[in-house]
Amino acid sequence: MRGISIYWRLSNLYFWFFALLGGLLPYWSLYLEGQGFSYLQIATLMATIQLTKIIAPSVWGWLGDKTGQRVRLVRVGAITGSLFFAGVFMEPGFYGLLLVMLAFTFFWNAILPLYEVITLRTLGEQKEKYGRVRLWGSVGFIGAVALVGGLLELVPIQNLPWLLLPVFAGIAVSAFLVPAERGERKPPAPKGSLKAIVTHPAVVTFF
């Protein structure tokens, strides 16, 4: 599982994760407008992405440190986040979609901080390869922005969730290709509680 095999397995999830960003962020507000939401409602729904981005990494990072099962948590985030996003197809209205977005982004935002640790630990002494691995995230983002934008020239914006389905499938599959961390095992529980970590001055100052 070394060499190019590890390189591509690590790069794969970065590609699909940022492809989802590229396919979602530039066009999601247009989709919401097409669904008839007001500007205030659109702003609120878009804000959920950043809201959970503040909270979720601390929660999932704490769980990863406490359990030592980061690979498993990445898979949970990928699968559960995708399942919650499926609620979009039910057209649940503003409050229903707000709950869908909160749940989806909470699990989705679990993936990247955990995966960064997995990547660096897997690379070990070859950390100079991190940039090459991470590069595929940029490739995925740029490719998705261009491809989804081109497709939306041909089909109505209401089809956006359907266009994103292959990306969610890519995330789910690549999550199960993630190599186990080197020496992955359950570590001693950290001394700090989740509350202590989230309210630590360094964390508060950063956010």
Protein backbone atom coordinates (compact mmCIF):
# COMPACT_ATOMS: atom_id res chain seq x y z
CA MET A 1 0.00 0.00 0.00
CA ARG A 2 2.94 2.33 -0.50
CA GLY A 3 4.15 4.65 -3.22
CA ILE A 4 1.73 5.66 -5.93
CA SER A 5 -1.11 3.62 -4.43
CA ILE A 6 -1.06 5.60 -1.20
CA TYR A 7 -0.63 8.86 -3.11
CA TRP A 8 -3.75 8.30 -5.21
CA ARG A 9 -5.81 7.03 -2.31
CA LEU A 10 -4.98 10.12 -0.30
CA SER A 11 -5.56 12.45 -3.27
CA ASN A 12 -8.92 10.92 -4.15
CA LEU A 13 -10.91 12.28 -1.22
CA TYR A 14 -9.41 15.75 -1.57
CA PHE A 15 -10.51 15.76 -5.21
CA TRP A 16 -14.12 14.85 -4.47
CA PHE A 17 -14.44 16.93 -1.30
CA PHE A 18 -13.40 20.13 -3.06
CA ALA A 19 -15.34 19.15 -6.19
CA LEU A 20 -18.45 19.32 -4.00
CA LEU A 21 -17.40 22.78 -2.84
CA GLY A 22 -16.94 23.85 -6.45
CA GLY A 23 -20.26 22.42 -7.54
CA LEU A 24 -22.22 23.73 -4.57
CA LEU A 25 -21.00 27.11 -3.36
CA PRO A 26 -21.08 29.18 -6.59
CA TYR A 27 -24.55 27.95 -7.57
CA TRP A 28 -26.43 27.09 -4.38
CA SER A 29 -27.79 30.59 -3.82
CA LEU A 30 -29.06 30.59 -7.42
CA TYR A 31 -30.77 27.27 -6.78
CA LEU A 32 -32.39 28.64 -3.63
CA GLU A 33 -33.59 31.72 -5.51
CA GLY A 34 -35.06 29.44 -8.15
CA GLN A 35 -36.93 27.61 -5.38
CA GLY A 36 -38.65 30.86 -4.45
CA PHE A 37 -36.86 31.71 -1.21
CA SER A 38 -36.48 35.35 -0.18
CA TYR A 39 -33.08 37.00 -0.02
CA LEU A 40 -33.12 36.85 3.78
CA GLN A 41 -33.95 33.14 3.69
CA ILE A 42 -31.19 32.52 1.15
CA ALA A 43 -28.69 34.40 3.31
CA THR A 44 -29.74 32.36 6.35
CA LEU A 45 -29.42 29.05 4.51
CA MET A 46 -26.02 30.00 3.10
CA ALA A 47 -24.85 31.07 6.55
CA THR A 48 -25.38 27.55 7.90
CA ILE A 49 -22.33 26.41 5.93
CA GLN A 50 -20.07 28.82 7.81
CA LEU A 51 -21.86 28.34 11.13
CA THR A 52 -21.22 24.62 11.22
CA LYS A 53 -17.71 25.21 9.89
CA ILE A 54 -16.99 27.06 13.14
CA ILE A 55 -18.47 24.39 15.40
CA ALA A 56 -18.02 21.05 13.62
CA PRO A 57 -14.20 20.90 13.33
CA SER A 58 -13.78 21.35 17.09
CA VAL A 59 -16.37 18.67 17.87
CA TRP A 60 -15.08 16.14 15.35
CA GLY A 61 -11.45 16.91 16.12
CA TRP A 62 -12.13 16.22 19.79
CA LEU A 63 -13.86 12.95 18.91
CA GLY A 64 -10.94 11.98 16.68
CA ASP A 65 -8.43 12.65 19.47
CA LYS A 66 -10.55 10.86 22.06
CA THR A 67 -11.30 7.72 20.05
CA GLY A 68 -8.31 7.55 17.71
CA GLN A 69 -10.72 6.38 14.99
CA ARG A 70 -10.31 9.23 12.51
CA VAL A 71 -10.71 7.06 9.42
CA ARG A 72 -14.00 5.70 10.72
CA LEU A 73 -15.20 9.20 11.58
CA VAL A 74 -14.34 10.42 8.08
CA ARG A 75 -16.49 7.62 6.67
CA VAL A 76 -19.32 8.46 9.06
CA GLY A 77 -19.13 12.11 8.01
CA ALA A 78 -19.12 11.25 4.30
CA ILE A 79 -22.02 8.79 4.39
CA THR A 80 -24.19 10.58 6.95
CA GLY A 81 -23.67 13.98 5.34
CA SER A 82 -24.69 12.56 1.96
CA LEU A 83 -27.83 11.00 3.45
CA PHE A 84 -28.86 14.27 5.06
CA PHE A 85 -28.33 16.14 1.79
CA ALA A 86 -30.85 13.77 0.19
CA GLY A 87 -33.47 15.67 2.20
CA VAL A 88 -33.13 18.44 -0.40
CA PHE A 89 -35.04 16.28 -2.88
CA MET A 90 -38.08 16.33 -0.59
CA GLU A 91 -38.39 20.11 -1.10
CA PRO A 92 -39.09 20.58 2.62
CA GLY A 93 -39.65 24.35 2.67
CA PHE A 94 -37.50 26.92 4.43
CA TYR A 95 -37.41 25.49 7.96
CA GLY A 96 -37.08 21.94 6.75
CA LEU A 97 -34.26 22.89 4.41
CA LEU A 98 -32.59 24.82 7.24
CA LEU A 99 -32.50 21.63 9.31
CA VAL A 100 -31.25 19.65 6.31
CA MET A 101 -28.45 22.15 5.69
CA LEU A 102 -27.44 22.25 9.36
CA ALA A 103 -27.27 18.45 9.57
CA PHE A 104 -25.58 18.00 6.19
CA THR A 105 -22.89 20.63 6.76
CA PHE A 106 -22.24 19.51 10.35
CA PHE A 107 -21.22 16.05 9.11
CA TRP A 108 -19.63 17.33 5.90
CA ASN A 109 -17.42 19.76 7.81
CA ALA A 110 -16.19 16.81 9.88
CA ILE A 111 -14.25 15.38 6.95
CA LEU A 112 -11.47 17.84 6.16
CA PRO A 113 -9.90 18.49 9.60
CA LEU A 114 -9.81 14.77 10.37
CA TYR A 115 -8.48 13.94 6.92
CA GLU A 116 -5.66 16.47 7.19
CA VAL A 117 -4.37 14.59 10.24
CA ILE A 118 -4.74 11.23 8.47
CA THR A 119 -2.86 12.51 5.42
CA LEU A 120 0.06 13.96 7.36
CA ARG A 121 0.40 10.86 9.54
CA THR A 122 0.20 8.56 6.54
CA LEU A 123 2.88 10.51 4.69
CA GLY A 124 5.11 10.28 7.74
CA GLU A 125 8.60 11.48 6.86
CA GLN A 126 7.48 12.25 3.29
CA LYS A 127 5.56 15.38 4.22
CA GLU A 128 7.01 17.16 1.19
CA LYS A 129 4.45 15.16 -0.85
CA TYR A 130 1.57 16.85 0.99
CA GLY A 131 1.38 19.66 -1.57
CA ARG A 132 1.05 17.19 -4.44
CA VAL A 133 -1.71 15.34 -2.61
CA ARG A 134 -3.57 18.54 -1.70
CA LEU A 135 -3.23 19.81 -5.27
CA TRP A 136 -5.98 17.44 -6.33
CA GLY A 137 -8.41 19.36 -4.15
CA SER A 138 -7.79 22.44 -6.30
CA VAL A 139 -8.18 20.35 -9.45
CA GLY A 140 -11.51 19.02 -8.20
CA PHE A 141 -12.77 22.48 -7.24
CA ILE A 142 -11.84 24.13 -10.54
CA GLY A 143 -13.13 21.22 -12.59
CA ALA A 144 -16.48 21.15 -10.76
CA VAL A 145 -17.00 24.91 -11.06
CA ALA A 146 -16.44 24.72 -14.82
CA LEU A 147 -18.36 21.49 -15.43
CA VAL A 148 -21.42 22.32 -13.32
CA GLY A 149 -21.50 25.85 -14.73
CA GLY A 150 -21.42 24.45 -18.25
CA LEU A 151 -24.18 21.96 -17.51
CA LEU A 152 -26.37 24.66 -15.98
CA GLU A 153 -26.20 26.47 -19.32
CA LEU A 154 -28.06 23.46 -20.72
CA VAL A 155 -30.44 22.48 -17.91
CA PRO A 156 -32.50 24.48 -15.37
CA ILE A 157 -30.92 25.43 -12.03
CA GLN A 158 -33.50 23.20 -10.29
CA ASN A 159 -31.42 20.24 -11.50
CA LEU A 160 -28.41 21.27 -9.40
CA PRO A 161 -28.93 18.65 -6.63
CA TRP A 162 -29.09 15.93 -9.29
CA LEU A 163 -25.86 17.18 -10.86
CA LEU A 164 -24.16 16.87 -7.48
CA LEU A 165 -25.14 13.23 -6.94
CA PRO A 166 -22.06 11.81 -8.73
CA VAL A 167 -19.86 13.98 -6.51
CA PHE A 168 -21.51 12.64 -3.36
CA ALA A 169 -21.00 9.13 -4.70
CA GLY A 170 -17.33 9.93 -5.30
CA ILE A 171 -16.94 11.19 -1.73
CA ALA A 172 -18.60 8.08 -0.30
CA VAL A 173 -16.47 5.68 -2.34
CA SER A 174 -13.21 7.54 -1.72
CA ALA A 175 -13.91 7.62 2.04
CA PHE A 176 -13.65 3.83 2.03
CA LEU A 177 -10.35 3.98 0.15
CA VAL A 178 -8.75 6.07 2.88
CA PRO A 179 -5.71 4.22 4.26
CA ALA A 180 -5.60 3.52 7.97
CA GLU A 181 -3.44 5.86 10.00
CA ARG A 182 -0.02 4.60 10.90
CA GLY A 183 -0.23 3.16 14.35
CA GLU A 184 -3.93 3.93 14.56
CA ARG A 185 -5.23 2.83 17.91
CA LYS A 186 -7.35 4.15 20.71
CA PRO A 187 -5.22 6.65 22.66
CA PRO A 188 -5.65 7.67 26.29
CA ALA A 189 -8.53 10.08 26.69
CA PRO A 190 -7.33 13.69 26.58
CA LYS A 191 -7.39 15.66 29.77
CA GLY A 192 -9.54 18.46 28.41
CA SER A 193 -13.28 18.13 27.92
CA LEU A 194 -14.96 19.21 24.71
CA LYS A 195 -16.17 22.37 26.43
CA ALA A 196 -12.65 23.15 27.64
CA ILE A 197 -11.23 22.71 24.13
CA VAL A 198 -13.91 24.78 22.38
CA THR A 199 -13.64 27.60 24.94
CA HIS A 200 -9.83 27.58 25.06
CA PRO A 201 -8.55 31.15 24.49
CA ALA A 202 -6.45 30.07 21.49
CA VAL A 203 -9.48 28.48 19.81
CA VAL A 204 -11.73 31.45 20.59
CA THR A 205 -9.13 33.91 19.30
CA PHE A 206 -8.64 31.92 16.09
CA PHE A 207 -12.33 31.97 15.24
